Amino acid sequence: MVRIVEQIICETFEKSVGRCQALKEKQKAFEVRFRVSVDHEKEEGYRWLTMRIYAPRNYVAVLTREECRVIPLEGLKYDKDTGESHVKRGYKYDESKSEWKCVSYHDSCWRDGVRQILQENREKIHAVCAFESWYRTVELTEDELEEIENSR
């Protein structure tokens, strides 16, 4: 199954964004966001894994980062009558994003990075988060371009 998903992601990247964008154009990246498991014995909320594929020249960078919006279970108070939970005083949801991690940066073996991300997270991935589609194309800001360069 990992190989099938890898092939779909790679072929869609090549058709929708591709390589060797003109340097004068806005730089674009291909992005897929996965919903991943939370530890329901310790926390409530959401966790995501984002894969970004970017190819400003002949080389293709495959990057990943983790995001979350979680709260420890001890920070919640459950109302037995309504079945709803409320955040206790002094607690809040932790919202964070890791730095981008470069998994691969290569001209021909970049697909190995896509496969590696899928393989390492196959037990945790629940679904692909749908934007308007199962993937999106993002225009990168100067800060994001610098962060990508620093992650290699």
Protein backbone atom coordinates (compact mmCIF):
# COMPACT_ATOMS: atom_id res chain seq x y z
CA MET A 1 0.00 0.00 0.00
CA VAL A 2 2.89 2.38 0.77
CA ARG A 3 4.21 1.98 -2.78
CA ILE A 4 0.82 2.81 -4.29
CA VAL A 5 0.41 5.96 -2.19
CA GLU A 6 4.03 6.92 -2.94
CA GLN A 7 3.42 6.58 -6.67
CA ILE A 8 0.23 8.66 -6.53
CA ILE A 9 1.95 11.44 -4.56
CA CYS A 10 5.02 11.53 -6.81
CA GLU A 11 3.12 11.49 -10.09
CA THR A 12 0.71 14.16 -8.89
CA PHE A 13 3.63 16.35 -7.76
CA GLU A 14 5.27 16.05 -11.18
CA LYS A 15 2.04 16.95 -12.99
CA SER A 16 0.86 19.74 -10.71
CA VAL A 17 4.09 21.52 -9.68
CA GLY A 18 7.07 19.81 -11.28
CA ARG A 19 10.71 20.78 -11.33
CA CYS A 20 12.80 23.70 -12.45
CA GLN A 21 10.44 26.57 -11.83
CA ALA A 22 11.61 29.86 -13.29
CA LEU A 23 13.47 31.75 -10.57
CA LYS A 24 11.55 34.95 -11.32
CA GLU A 25 8.23 33.24 -10.58
CA LYS A 26 6.79 32.67 -7.14
CA GLN A 27 8.24 29.41 -5.89
CA LYS A 28 5.64 26.69 -5.37
CA ALA A 29 5.60 23.49 -3.39
CA PHE A 30 3.34 20.47 -3.32
CA GLU A 31 1.86 19.62 0.07
CA VAL A 32 0.00 16.64 1.54
CA ARG A 33 -1.23 16.74 5.12
CA PHE A 34 -1.96 13.52 7.02
CA ARG A 35 -3.99 13.08 10.17
CA VAL A 36 -1.99 10.98 12.63
CA SER A 37 -2.72 9.26 15.93
CA VAL A 38 -2.91 10.94 19.28
CA ASP A 39 -2.21 9.00 22.47
CA HIS A 40 -5.79 8.78 23.75
CA GLU A 41 -4.58 7.55 27.14
CA LYS A 42 -2.68 10.81 27.70
CA GLU A 43 -4.16 13.53 25.50
CA GLU A 44 -7.06 14.79 23.48
CA GLY A 45 -6.86 16.76 20.28
CA TYR A 46 -5.27 16.44 16.87
CA ARG A 47 -1.88 15.67 15.36
CA TRP A 48 -0.83 16.10 11.75
CA LEU A 49 2.15 15.21 9.58
CA THR A 50 2.74 17.45 6.58
CA MET A 51 4.84 16.38 3.60
CA ARG A 52 6.12 19.11 1.33
CA ILE A 53 7.83 18.51 -2.01
CA TYR A 54 9.74 21.39 -3.54
CA ALA A 55 11.94 21.52 -6.64
CA PRO A 56 13.39 24.92 -7.44
CA ARG A 57 15.98 23.44 -9.78
CA ASN A 58 16.77 19.94 -10.95
CA TYR A 59 16.99 18.64 -7.36
CA VAL A 60 13.82 17.77 -5.45
CA ALA A 61 13.50 18.35 -1.70
CA VAL A 62 11.14 16.18 0.33
CA LEU A 63 10.41 17.73 3.70
CA THR A 64 8.21 16.91 6.64
CA ARG A 65 6.99 18.55 9.79
CA GLU A 66 4.68 17.66 12.64
CA GLU A 67 1.88 19.82 13.97
CA CYS A 68 -0.46 19.40 16.89
CA ARG A 69 -3.34 20.86 18.83
CA VAL A 70 -3.54 18.75 21.99
CA ILE A 71 -4.26 19.02 25.69
CA PRO A 72 -3.33 16.54 28.43
CA LEU A 73 -6.34 14.62 29.76
CA GLU A 74 -5.80 16.03 33.26
CA GLY A 75 -6.50 19.46 31.75
CA LEU A 76 -10.06 18.49 30.87
CA LYS A 77 -13.14 18.26 33.04
CA TYR A 78 -15.93 16.03 31.75
CA ASP A 79 -19.55 16.92 32.40
CA LYS A 80 -21.35 13.59 32.91
CA ASP A 81 -24.77 15.13 32.26
CA THR A 82 -23.98 16.64 28.85
CA GLY A 83 -21.05 14.43 27.84
CA GLU A 84 -19.05 17.55 26.98
CA SER A 85 -15.55 18.35 28.13
CA HIS A 86 -14.30 21.72 29.31
CA VAL A 87 -10.77 23.01 29.76
CA LYS A 88 -9.79 23.35 33.42
CA ARG A 89 -8.40 26.61 34.73
CA GLY A 90 -4.66 26.84 34.16
CA TYR A 91 -4.68 24.53 31.15
CA LYS A 92 -4.91 25.20 27.44
CA TYR A 93 -4.49 23.38 24.16
CA ASP A 94 -0.87 23.19 23.03
CA GLU A 95 -0.60 24.28 19.41
CA SER A 96 2.79 23.76 17.85
CA LYS A 97 4.64 23.10 14.61
CA SER A 98 8.06 21.57 14.32
CA GLU A 99 10.71 22.94 11.99
CA TRP A 100 10.80 21.48 8.50
CA LYS A 101 13.00 18.38 8.34
CA CYS A 102 14.61 17.54 5.01
CA VAL A 103 14.19 13.81 4.42
CA SER A 104 15.75 13.78 0.97
CA TYR A 105 17.22 16.21 -1.53
CA HIS A 106 18.22 14.55 -4.77
CA ASP A 107 17.74 14.69 -8.52
CA SER A 108 16.61 11.09 -9.04
CA CYS A 109 16.21 9.38 -5.64
CA TRP A 110 13.85 11.93 -4.08
CA ARG A 111 10.98 9.41 -4.25
CA ASP A 112 12.84 7.42 -1.60
CA GLY A 113 12.13 10.29 0.81
CA VAL A 114 8.40 10.10 0.09
CA ARG A 115 8.48 6.34 0.66
CA GLN A 116 10.49 6.76 3.87
CA ILE A 117 7.96 9.20 5.36
CA LEU A 118 5.05 6.92 4.47
CA GLN A 119 6.83 3.78 5.69
CA GLU A 120 7.96 5.28 9.02
CA ASN A 121 4.48 6.63 9.76
CA ARG A 122 2.27 3.89 8.28
CA GLU A 123 0.95 2.81 11.69
CA LYS A 124 0.12 6.38 12.76
CA ILE A 125 -1.47 7.79 9.59
CA HIS A 126 -5.27 7.71 9.71
CA ALA A 127 -6.26 9.79 6.72
CA VAL A 128 -5.25 12.44 4.25
CA CYS A 129 -6.60 15.83 5.28
CA ALA A 130 -8.62 17.23 2.43
CA PHE A 131 -8.17 20.89 1.63
CA GLU A 132 -10.21 21.44 -1.51
CA SER A 133 -8.44 18.35 -2.77
CA TRP A 134 -6.25 15.69 -1.15
CA TYR A 135 -3.21 17.89 -1.80
CA ARG A 136 -2.51 21.55 -2.31
CA THR A 137 -0.01 23.74 -4.08
CA VAL A 138 1.44 26.49 -1.90
CA GLU A 139 3.35 29.62 -2.86
CA LEU A 140 6.38 29.81 -0.60
CA THR A 141 7.28 32.97 1.27
CA GLU A 142 10.86 34.20 1.56
CA ASP A 143 10.90 32.94 5.18
CA GLU A 144 9.74 29.49 4.10
CA LEU A 145 12.34 29.35 1.33
CA GLU A 146 15.04 30.25 3.87
CA GLU A 147 13.76 27.62 6.33
CA ILE A 148 13.86 24.98 3.58
CA GLU A 149 17.42 25.95 2.65
CA ASN A 150 18.45 25.74 6.32
CA SER A 151 16.88 22.29 6.75
CA ARG A 152 19.16 20.64 4.17
